[in-house]
Protein backbone atom coordinates (compact mmCIF):
# COMPACT_ATOMS: atom_id res chain seq x y z
CA MET A 1 163.29 229.93 169.82
CA SER A 2 164.69 232.65 167.75
CA GLY A 3 167.67 232.20 165.78
CA ASN A 4 168.35 235.96 165.07
CA ASP A 5 171.78 237.32 165.55
CA GLN A 6 170.66 239.33 168.53
CA ASP A 7 170.22 236.27 170.32
CA ASP A 8 173.82 234.99 169.60
CA PRO A 9 176.40 235.73 172.22
CA SER A 10 178.91 236.05 169.59
CA SER A 11 177.13 239.11 168.17
CA SER A 12 176.72 240.93 171.31
CA SER A 13 179.63 243.19 173.03
CA GLU A 14 177.58 243.91 176.30
CA LYS A 15 179.92 243.86 179.23
CA VAL A 16 178.63 243.56 182.71
CA SER A 17 179.78 244.36 186.20
CA SER A 18 178.59 242.14 189.10
CA LYS A 19 179.23 242.82 192.75
CA LEU A 20 179.44 238.95 193.39
CA PHE A 21 181.49 238.00 190.50
CA GLY A 22 183.28 241.04 189.48
CA ASN A 23 183.59 242.41 185.91
CA TRP A 24 183.60 240.59 182.60
CA ARG A 25 183.72 241.37 178.91
CA GLN A 26 180.84 239.02 178.36
CA ALA A 27 177.45 239.44 180.18
CA HIS A 28 176.80 235.70 179.84
CA THR A 29 179.74 235.09 181.93
CA VAL A 30 177.73 236.11 185.07
CA GLY A 31 175.05 233.67 184.05
CA TYR A 32 177.44 230.89 183.59
CA LEU A 33 179.02 231.55 187.08
CA TRP A 34 175.52 231.61 188.66
CA ASP A 35 174.65 228.14 187.04
CA ASN A 36 177.85 226.92 188.68
CA THR A 37 176.42 228.19 191.97
CA ALA A 38 173.46 226.32 191.36
CA SER A 39 175.49 223.23 190.74
CA GLY A 40 177.28 223.61 194.05
CA LEU A 41 174.16 224.10 195.92
CA ILE A 42 172.79 220.94 194.57
CA LEU A 43 176.14 218.99 195.44
CA SER A 44 175.87 220.04 198.88
CA THR A 45 172.79 218.02 199.29
CA THR A 46 174.15 214.92 198.20
CA THR A 47 175.91 213.77 201.65
CA PHE A 48 172.76 214.46 203.68
CA LEU A 49 170.69 212.64 201.21
CA ASN A 50 172.92 209.67 201.21
CA LEU A 51 173.05 209.53 205.01
CA ALA A 52 169.19 209.53 205.23
CA ILE A 53 168.80 206.98 202.47
CA LEU A 54 171.42 204.75 204.14
CA ARG A 55 169.83 205.06 207.53
CA LEU A 56 166.31 204.32 206.25
CA ALA A 57 167.53 201.50 204.03
CA THR A 58 169.35 200.02 207.20
CA VAL A 59 166.10 200.07 209.21
CA ALA A 60 164.12 198.82 206.41
CA ALA A 61 166.51 195.72 206.20
CA GLY A 62 165.89 195.21 210.09
CA CYS A 63 169.37 196.40 211.02
CA PRO A 64 170.19 198.93 213.71
CA GLY A 65 169.60 202.34 212.24
CA ASN A 66 172.75 203.88 214.24
CA PRO A 67 175.97 202.29 213.06
CA GLU A 68 177.39 202.63 216.71
CA ASP A 69 174.72 200.20 217.72
CA ASP A 70 175.65 197.48 215.27
CA ASP A 71 178.33 195.51 216.79
CA GLU A 72 177.78 192.38 214.84
CA ASN A 73 177.96 194.01 211.40
CA CYS A 74 174.45 193.18 210.25
CA THR A 75 174.25 191.57 207.04
CA LYS A 76 170.63 191.69 206.04
CA SER A 77 169.54 193.06 202.81
CA VAL A 78 166.66 195.04 201.38
CA TYR A 79 165.42 194.72 197.82
CA GLY A 80 168.04 192.15 197.25
CA LEU A 81 170.94 194.50 198.24
CA LYS A 82 172.83 195.51 201.30
CA PRO A 83 171.77 198.80 202.69
CA GLU A 84 175.14 200.57 201.75
CA SER A 85 175.10 198.81 198.39
CA VAL A 86 171.73 200.72 197.49
CA LEU A 87 174.00 203.94 197.57
CA THR A 88 176.73 202.69 195.27
CA ALA A 89 174.16 200.97 193.02
CA VAL A 90 172.19 204.34 192.56
CA ALA A 91 175.45 206.45 192.07
CA THR A 92 176.75 203.87 189.58
CA ALA A 93 173.50 203.70 187.53
CA GLY A 94 173.02 207.63 187.42
CA GLN A 95 176.77 207.88 186.19
CA LEU A 96 176.23 205.23 183.65
CA VAL A 97 173.07 206.79 182.24
CA GLY A 98 174.74 210.22 182.04
CA ALA A 99 177.85 208.89 180.29
CA PHE A 100 175.68 207.12 177.80
CA LEU A 101 173.66 210.20 177.06
CA THR A 102 176.84 212.64 177.03
CA PRO A 103 177.77 211.95 173.40
CA PHE A 104 174.26 212.80 172.40
CA ALA A 105 174.45 216.06 174.30
CA GLY A 106 177.58 216.88 172.58
CA ALA A 107 176.12 216.25 169.35
CA ILE A 108 173.36 218.54 170.15
CA CYS A 109 175.53 221.27 171.10
CA ASP A 110 177.78 221.14 167.92
CA TYR A 111 175.10 220.43 165.33
CA THR A 112 171.89 222.18 166.54
CA SER A 113 170.70 225.25 168.14
CA LYS A 114 169.11 223.39 170.97
CA ARG A 115 171.66 223.68 173.76
CA ARG A 116 169.72 226.16 175.62
CA ILE A 117 166.66 224.04 175.48
CA VAL A 118 168.32 220.86 176.61
CA GLY A 119 170.30 222.94 179.33
CA ALA A 120 166.88 224.38 180.46
CA ILE A 121 165.27 220.70 180.55
CA SER A 122 167.96 219.14 182.27
CA GLY A 123 167.95 221.76 184.76
CA TRP A 124 164.55 221.74 185.63
CA ILE A 125 164.65 217.87 185.89
CA LEU A 126 167.44 218.32 188.56
CA ALA A 127 165.51 221.12 190.33
CA LEU A 128 162.20 218.94 190.38
CA CYS A 129 164.26 215.89 191.69
CA THR A 130 165.58 217.86 194.35
CA LEU A 131 162.21 219.34 195.34
CA ILE A 132 160.46 215.90 195.22
CA GLN A 133 163.12 214.40 197.54
CA ALA A 134 161.95 216.76 200.16
CA GLY A 135 159.28 214.25 200.68
CA LEU A 136 161.66 211.50 201.97
CA HIS A 137 160.47 209.50 204.68
CA ALA A 138 160.41 205.70 205.73
CA LYS A 139 157.95 204.70 203.10
CA THR A 140 159.26 206.59 200.13
CA TRP A 141 162.93 206.20 200.73
CA PHE A 142 163.60 203.61 197.88
CA ILE A 143 161.55 205.91 195.42
CA MET A 144 163.85 208.84 196.34
CA ALA A 145 166.64 206.64 195.73
CA LEU A 146 165.80 205.55 192.44
CA LEU A 147 165.00 209.26 191.64
CA GLN A 148 168.57 209.99 192.50
CA ILE A 149 169.43 208.07 189.28
CA PHE A 150 167.68 210.74 187.18
CA ALA A 151 169.07 213.60 189.29
CA ILE A 152 172.73 212.21 188.56
CA ALA A 153 171.95 211.73 184.91
CA SER A 154 170.40 215.02 184.49
CA TYR A 155 173.25 216.85 186.30
CA VAL A 156 175.88 215.34 183.94
CA ILE A 157 173.83 216.38 180.85
CA HIS A 158 173.24 219.98 182.41
CA GLN A 159 176.87 220.27 182.84
CA ALA A 160 177.70 219.22 179.37
CA MET A 161 175.42 222.08 178.13
CA VAL A 162 176.69 224.54 180.50
CA LEU A 163 180.41 224.04 179.57
CA SER A 164 179.62 224.35 175.85
CA TYR A 165 179.18 228.19 176.54
CA LEU A 166 182.61 228.38 178.05
CA PRO A 167 184.43 229.11 174.75
CA GLY A 168 182.24 232.00 173.81
CA LEU A 169 183.01 233.57 177.15
CA SER A 170 186.56 234.52 176.32
CA ARG A 171 186.40 235.79 172.85
CA LEU A 172 188.14 239.09 172.23
CA ASP A 173 186.07 240.45 169.24
CA ASP A 174 182.26 240.24 167.86
CA THR A 175 183.44 237.68 165.41
CA GLY A 176 184.19 235.05 167.86
CA VAL A 177 187.42 234.17 166.26
CA LEU A 178 190.02 235.74 168.62
CA ASP A 179 190.11 233.99 172.02
CA ASP A 180 192.01 235.05 175.28
CA PRO A 181 193.26 232.01 177.05
CA ASP A 182 193.77 233.90 180.26
CA VAL A 183 190.19 234.93 180.25
CA ARG A 184 189.11 231.40 179.70
CA TYR A 185 191.28 230.07 182.53
CA ARG A 186 190.11 232.93 184.89
CA VAL A 187 186.41 231.88 183.81
CA ASN A 188 187.08 228.39 184.37
CA ALA A 189 188.76 228.80 187.89
CA CYS A 190 186.15 231.17 189.07
CA SER A 191 183.39 228.73 188.07
CA VAL A 192 185.10 226.09 190.08
CA ILE A 193 185.53 228.31 193.09
CA THR A 194 181.98 229.61 192.73
CA ALA A 195 180.51 226.09 192.75
CA PHE A 196 182.83 224.79 195.44
CA GLY A 197 181.99 228.01 197.66
CA ALA A 198 178.25 227.57 197.17
CA ASN A 199 178.72 223.92 198.02
CA LEU A 200 180.67 224.42 201.29
CA SER A 201 178.59 227.41 202.58
CA SER A 202 175.39 225.30 202.05
CA TYR A 203 177.01 222.29 203.61
CA ILE A 204 178.10 224.10 206.81
CA PHE A 205 174.95 226.06 207.14
CA PHE A 206 172.43 223.05 207.07
CA GLY A 207 175.13 220.78 208.95
CA ALA A 208 175.09 223.43 211.76
CA ILE A 209 171.28 223.18 211.78
CA PHE A 210 171.51 219.61 211.93
CA VAL A 211 174.06 219.20 214.69
CA PHE A 212 172.76 221.97 217.05
CA SER A 213 168.99 221.60 216.50
CA GLY A 214 168.99 217.62 216.74
CA ILE A 215 166.08 217.43 214.39
CA GLY A 216 167.30 214.10 212.76
CA ILE A 217 168.91 213.31 209.46
CA VAL A 218 165.74 212.55 207.70
CA ASN A 219 164.22 215.84 208.97
CA ILE A 220 167.42 218.00 207.91
CA VAL A 221 167.11 216.40 204.33
CA ASN A 222 163.37 217.30 203.98
CA LEU A 223 164.63 221.04 204.84
CA VAL A 224 167.67 220.92 202.61
CA GLN A 225 166.06 219.49 199.45
CA GLY A 226 163.20 221.85 199.88
CA VAL A 227 165.15 224.99 200.46
CA ILE A 228 167.93 224.08 197.73
CA GLY A 229 165.21 223.09 195.39
CA VAL A 230 163.43 226.29 195.58
CA VAL A 231 166.77 228.32 195.28
CA VAL A 232 168.04 226.55 192.31
CA SER A 233 164.73 226.66 190.55
CA LEU A 234 164.65 230.50 190.72
CA ILE A 235 168.26 230.48 189.33
CA TYR A 236 167.48 228.31 186.55
CA PHE A 237 164.34 230.51 185.86
CA PHE A 238 166.45 233.44 185.33
CA ILE A 239 169.34 231.94 183.47
CA TRP A 240 167.78 229.59 180.95
CA HIS A 241 164.69 231.62 179.93
CA PRO A 242 165.93 234.08 177.12
CA ASP A 243 163.43 236.79 178.13
CA ASN A 244 164.30 236.60 181.87
CA GLY A 245 167.12 237.48 183.82
CA TYR A 246 167.33 239.45 187.06
CA LYS A 247 169.06 242.70 187.96
CA GLY A 248 168.90 244.04 191.58
CA ALA A 249 170.76 246.21 193.59
CA PHE A 250 173.11 243.43 194.53
CA ILE A 251 172.33 240.47 192.30
CA HIS A 252 172.44 240.44 188.70
CA ILE A 253 171.60 237.01 186.87
CA PRO A 254 171.59 237.55 183.01
CA PRO A 255 170.23 234.81 180.98
CA LEU A 256 172.47 232.46 178.74
CA LYS A 257 171.78 233.32 175.23
CA HIS A 258 170.81 231.31 171.96
CA ILE A 259 174.05 229.82 170.15
CA HIS A 260 173.91 228.96 166.39
CA PRO A 261 175.34 225.29 165.52
CA ILE A 262 179.01 225.21 164.85
CA LYS A 263 178.83 222.07 162.60
CA LEU A 264 176.46 221.17 159.66
CA ILE A 265 174.48 218.19 159.73
CA GLU A 266 174.87 215.81 156.97
CA SER A 267 172.07 214.79 154.91
CA CYS A 268 170.00 211.71 156.12
CA SER A 269 171.83 211.83 159.48
CA GLY A 270 170.14 212.11 162.78
CA ILE A 271 171.57 213.02 166.23
CA SER A 272 172.14 209.42 167.03
CA ILE A 273 174.13 208.67 164.01
CA ILE A 274 176.13 211.86 164.46
CA ALA A 275 176.92 211.12 168.16
CA LEU A 276 178.29 207.67 167.24
CA LYS A 277 180.27 209.17 164.28
CA GLU A 278 181.78 211.69 166.70
CA ILE A 279 182.73 209.04 169.17
CA ARG A 280 184.56 207.04 166.51
CA ALA A 281 186.30 210.17 165.05
CA SER A 282 187.31 211.32 168.58
CA TYR A 283 188.75 207.89 169.14
CA ILE A 284 190.67 207.79 166.00
CA LEU A 285 191.87 211.35 166.57
CA LEU A 286 193.06 210.74 170.09
CA TYR A 287 194.62 207.24 169.39
CA PHE A 288 196.59 207.91 166.31
CA ASP A 289 197.15 211.87 166.14
CA PHE A 290 197.12 212.77 169.73
CA PRO A 291 197.85 209.94 171.90
CA ASP A 292 199.39 212.09 174.90
CA VAL A 293 196.10 213.92 175.11
CA GLY A 294 194.34 210.66 175.18
CA ARG A 295 196.31 209.48 178.02
CA PHE A 296 195.56 212.82 179.62
CA LEU A 297 191.93 212.47 179.10
CA CYS A 298 191.78 208.99 180.56
CA GLY A 299 193.54 210.25 183.63
CA TYR A 300 191.33 212.98 184.05
CA ALA A 301 188.32 210.80 183.74
CA ILE A 302 189.62 208.42 186.41
CA ALA A 303 190.30 211.67 188.69
CA ASN A 304 186.96 212.95 187.98
CA ALA A 305 185.24 209.67 188.63
CA ALA A 306 186.89 209.47 192.01
CA ALA A 307 186.01 213.14 192.95
CA SER A 308 182.34 212.77 191.74
CA SER A 309 181.85 209.39 193.92
CA PHE A 310 183.26 210.98 196.91
CA ALA A 311 180.32 212.05 198.69
CA THR A 312 178.67 208.54 198.18
CA LEU A 313 181.93 206.41 198.94
CA ALA A 314 182.80 208.42 202.07
CA VAL A 315 179.31 207.93 203.60
CA VAL A 316 179.43 204.39 202.96
CA PHE A 317 183.08 204.08 204.30
CA LEU A 318 182.64 206.13 207.39
CA SER A 319 179.19 204.78 208.31
CA GLN A 320 179.51 201.17 207.63
CA TYR A 321 183.29 200.42 208.11
CA LEU A 322 184.26 203.05 210.79
CA ASN A 323 180.76 202.96 212.45
CA PHE A 324 180.72 206.75 212.46
CA ASP A 325 177.14 208.36 213.38
CA GLU A 326 175.70 211.17 210.93
CA THR A 327 177.31 213.91 213.02
CA LYS A 328 180.68 212.62 212.79
CA THR A 329 180.33 211.68 209.02
CA LEU A 330 179.40 215.37 208.29
CA TYR A 331 182.11 216.59 210.50
CA VAL A 332 184.76 214.68 208.59
CA ILE A 333 183.55 215.55 205.12
CA ALA A 334 183.28 219.27 206.03
CA GLN A 335 186.91 219.10 207.13
CA VAL A 336 187.79 217.52 203.69
CA LEU A 337 185.90 220.47 201.83
CA ILE A 338 187.35 223.29 204.10
CA ILE A 339 190.86 222.25 203.71
CA SER A 340 190.25 222.13 199.84
CA LEU A 341 188.87 225.65 199.61
CA PRO A 342 192.27 227.54 200.07
CA ALA A 343 193.91 225.30 197.35
CA GLY A 344 191.02 225.82 194.92
CA ALA A 345 191.39 229.72 195.49
CA TYR A 346 195.16 229.67 195.08
CA GLY A 347 194.86 227.89 191.95
CA VAL A 348 193.78 230.89 190.07
CA LYS A 349 197.04 232.74 191.18
CA LEU A 350 199.06 229.72 190.13
CA MET A 351 197.63 229.53 186.77
CA ALA A 352 198.41 233.20 186.28
CA ARG A 353 202.04 232.69 187.11
CA PHE A 354 202.60 229.27 185.60
CA LEU A 355 201.06 227.36 182.58
CA PRO A 356 197.74 225.57 183.61
CA LYS A 357 199.29 222.24 182.42
CA LYS A 358 202.11 222.64 184.92
CA VAL A 359 199.55 223.40 187.89
CA PHE A 360 197.42 220.36 186.87
CA LEU A 361 200.19 217.86 186.62
CA ASN A 362 201.62 219.02 190.10
CA THR A 363 198.20 218.66 191.67
CA VAL A 364 197.31 215.33 190.32
CA GLY A 365 201.05 213.90 190.49
């Protein structure tokens, strides 16, 4: 990987116009938004996969596969866990692994020029896991469930790498010193809307196929994971390889470029030591100097944890405690997503009129 200036986004003043994502000062912004599109597509598969794994785990435990047929609340277990506990255990394990690796990902972003390599590797792991899970059936469900741990962890690491590009997308000059907060807010808001739009569109499309074709939850998962896996692989191929990119009549996918490290590694210090020092330094800074920011981040972490676990907990609650079948569960979750879409789109206008802090506090308050 070259470390030349032409590979550094801070030395490029290229502008880009995209029919899908509009006009941006930095060409890499469109690549950033495309990566968020891929993330939204990945997230759209979670509910289908959870429903299929839950059904196969329930059958493997010797319980009725359809929750509506389980009048006695079957308490049998499989691999030492209740069927619904398999989903929560997998989600918890994946998030814990991702949380453990995140400080090391942060150190890589700050102290090395490897963020593009790590972003590419984590993206390819995520895409590969999605493609492999297209082989879900009665004999492989437990392996596919365990594979979801790697998918969740790689997703967390990949998001850390992608977000590290955000500050460079709002610079005002070639030095990278001047920054436009309004552009940063707009990029961030558009990335959320893009991911959510891709998530909702994919969810509704494959949900409609499931409802109207009657092919069964396992078969729809085979289709969803296969199609989304291929699409995401193509997007990552264009974004994360420096010599790729794609420019067609309607779609333009510029690659994310090389970025030089912003901090210097101390002598005799490896990434592991640096990560631990950064955790300690961040804790001291937030606890003693910026306690309000520390409380804000704690609250945000709790809110984000609740949001990221929604697809898993909603499936468990609706299926196991309300005895909803797959169609009803998909319908309820679709309603939640559809209701959330106008709020996300309107958030851009709210931040343009009010301070982002006020918008955030009013939405979580």
